């Protein structure tokens, strides 16, 4: 496995004769114009530049790969998951509270189970 810091690679290791070097240099460029200056129109790497330009104009593609946008989506999904887990925990607590109240009124366990949605085992554990 190799780790390459492209800005340094761009300044130090570029050799026009090496195809891999040329492609790495393309990805270290700061503009499309700089990319176009590296390759000719008949160069197979020209397609890479055209595809990057096309994708760069596609808002959906840009949004999906925009770091801040992705981070916001991630945080929102974490919040939603936390909300759902908290909501489920709250519902479970309410079911247990109702079951305890019904037990204190000497209501049959099977009726409490049907009413609250708790299992008979969960209700029996409340008796202990």
Protein backbone atom coordinates (compact mmCIF):
# COMPACT_ATOMS: atom_id res chain seq x y z
CA UNK A 1 0.00 0.00 0.00
CA UNK A 2 1.31 3.43 -0.92
CA UNK A 3 0.31 6.75 0.53
CA UNK A 4 0.73 9.64 -1.88
CA UNK A 5 0.31 13.29 -0.99
CA UNK A 6 -0.72 14.63 -4.40
CA UNK A 7 0.40 18.27 -4.08
CA UNK A 8 3.94 17.12 -3.28
CA UNK A 9 3.74 14.41 -5.96
CA UNK A 10 2.74 17.09 -8.42
CA UNK A 11 5.89 19.10 -7.69
CA UNK A 12 8.40 16.29 -7.23
CA UNK A 13 7.57 13.04 -9.05
CA UNK A 14 5.94 13.89 -12.35
CA UNK A 15 7.47 12.27 -15.43
CA UNK A 16 5.60 12.68 -18.72
CA UNK A 17 6.70 9.28 -19.91
CA UNK A 18 4.98 7.39 -17.10
CA UNK A 19 1.21 6.92 -17.55
CA UNK A 20 0.52 6.43 -13.83
CA UNK A 21 2.43 9.60 -12.99
CA UNK A 22 0.39 11.50 -15.55
CA UNK A 23 -2.91 10.28 -14.11
CA UNK A 24 -1.86 11.09 -10.58
CA UNK A 25 -0.84 14.55 -11.71
CA UNK A 26 -4.30 15.03 -13.26
CA UNK A 27 -5.88 14.49 -9.86
CA UNK A 28 -3.56 17.00 -8.23
CA UNK A 29 -4.50 19.81 -10.62
CA UNK A 30 -6.41 22.80 -9.34
CA UNK A 31 -8.34 23.55 -12.53
CA UNK A 32 -9.61 21.92 -15.70
CA UNK A 33 -7.32 24.20 -17.70
CA UNK A 34 -4.31 22.82 -15.87
CA UNK A 35 -5.53 19.28 -16.61
CA UNK A 36 -5.99 20.07 -20.30
CA UNK A 37 -2.43 21.41 -20.44
CA UNK A 38 -1.10 17.98 -19.41
CA UNK A 39 -2.85 15.89 -22.10
CA UNK A 40 -3.63 16.14 -25.80
CA UNK A 41 -7.10 15.55 -27.23
CA UNK A 42 -6.05 12.18 -28.60
CA UNK A 43 -4.66 11.10 -25.19
CA UNK A 44 -6.88 8.47 -23.47
CA UNK A 45 -6.63 10.54 -20.28
CA UNK A 46 -8.56 13.33 -22.01
CA UNK A 47 -11.69 11.27 -21.31
CA UNK A 48 -10.95 11.49 -17.56
CA UNK A 49 -10.97 15.28 -17.71
CA UNK A 50 -14.17 15.36 -19.74
CA UNK A 51 -15.87 12.98 -17.31
CA UNK A 52 -14.73 14.98 -14.27
CA UNK A 53 -16.04 18.16 -15.88
CA UNK A 54 -19.37 16.49 -16.70
CA UNK A 55 -19.76 15.16 -13.17
CA UNK A 56 -18.75 18.52 -11.72
CA UNK A 57 -21.71 20.08 -13.51
CA UNK A 58 -24.10 17.46 -12.13
CA UNK A 59 -25.57 18.91 -8.91
CA UNK A 60 -26.59 15.51 -7.56
CA UNK A 61 -23.04 14.17 -7.98
CA UNK A 62 -21.52 17.28 -6.40
CA UNK A 63 -23.96 17.11 -3.47
CA UNK A 64 -23.21 13.45 -2.85
CA UNK A 65 -19.48 14.11 -2.65
CA UNK A 66 -19.55 17.48 -0.92
CA UNK A 67 -17.92 16.80 2.45
CA UNK A 68 -20.06 19.22 4.46
CA UNK A 69 -23.24 17.96 2.83
CA UNK A 70 -22.32 14.35 3.58
CA UNK A 71 -21.49 15.24 7.19
CA UNK A 72 -24.86 16.98 7.63
CA UNK A 73 -26.67 13.95 6.22
CA UNK A 74 -24.72 11.72 8.59
CA UNK A 75 -25.54 13.90 11.62
CA UNK A 76 -29.23 14.02 10.66
CA UNK A 77 -29.37 10.23 10.37
CA UNK A 78 -27.67 9.90 13.78
CA UNK A 79 -30.21 12.34 15.27
CA UNK A 80 -33.09 10.47 13.65
CA UNK A 81 -31.77 7.15 14.93
CA UNK A 82 -31.35 8.61 18.41
CA UNK A 83 -34.86 10.04 18.29
CA UNK A 84 -36.30 6.69 17.21
CA UNK A 85 -34.36 4.81 19.89
CA UNK A 86 -35.46 7.34 22.52
CA UNK A 87 -39.04 7.12 21.32
CA UNK A 88 -38.96 3.31 21.49
CA UNK A 89 -37.41 3.43 24.96
CA UNK A 90 -40.12 5.86 26.07
CA UNK A 91 -42.88 3.64 24.68
CA UNK A 92 -41.40 0.60 26.42
CA UNK A 93 -41.23 2.50 29.73
CA UNK A 94 -44.85 3.52 29.35
CA UNK A 95 -45.88 -0.08 28.63
CA UNK A 96 -44.03 -1.27 31.74
CA UNK A 97 -45.61 1.45 33.87
CA UNK A 98 -49.10 0.52 32.68
CA UNK A 99 -48.39 -3.17 33.30
CA UNK A 100 -47.25 -2.41 36.88
CA UNK A 101 -50.43 -0.44 37.51
CA UNK A 102 -52.61 -3.23 36.12
CA UNK A 103 -50.74 -5.81 38.23
CA UNK A 104 -51.41 -3.72 41.33
CA UNK A 105 -55.11 -3.93 40.45
CA UNK A 106 -54.81 -7.75 40.28
CA UNK A 107 -55.60 -7.89 36.56
CA UNK A 108 -54.76 -11.22 34.91
CA UNK A 109 -51.34 -11.45 33.25
CA UNK A 110 -52.72 -12.55 29.86
CA UNK A 111 -55.05 -9.52 29.76
CA UNK A 112 -52.15 -7.22 30.68
CA UNK A 113 -50.09 -8.82 27.90
CA UNK A 114 -52.84 -8.21 25.32
CA UNK A 115 -53.37 -4.66 26.54
CA UNK A 116 -49.76 -3.52 26.70
CA UNK A 117 -48.13 -5.68 24.03
CA UNK A 118 -45.60 -6.95 26.57
CA UNK A 119 -44.80 -10.64 26.76
CA UNK A 120 -46.06 -12.68 29.71
CA UNK A 121 -42.43 -13.22 30.72
CA UNK A 122 -41.81 -9.44 30.83
CA UNK A 123 -44.91 -8.98 32.98
CA UNK A 124 -43.93 -11.82 35.31
CA UNK A 125 -40.51 -10.19 35.75
CA UNK A 126 -42.32 -7.09 37.04
CA UNK A 127 -43.84 -9.11 39.88
CA UNK A 128 -40.41 -9.95 41.29
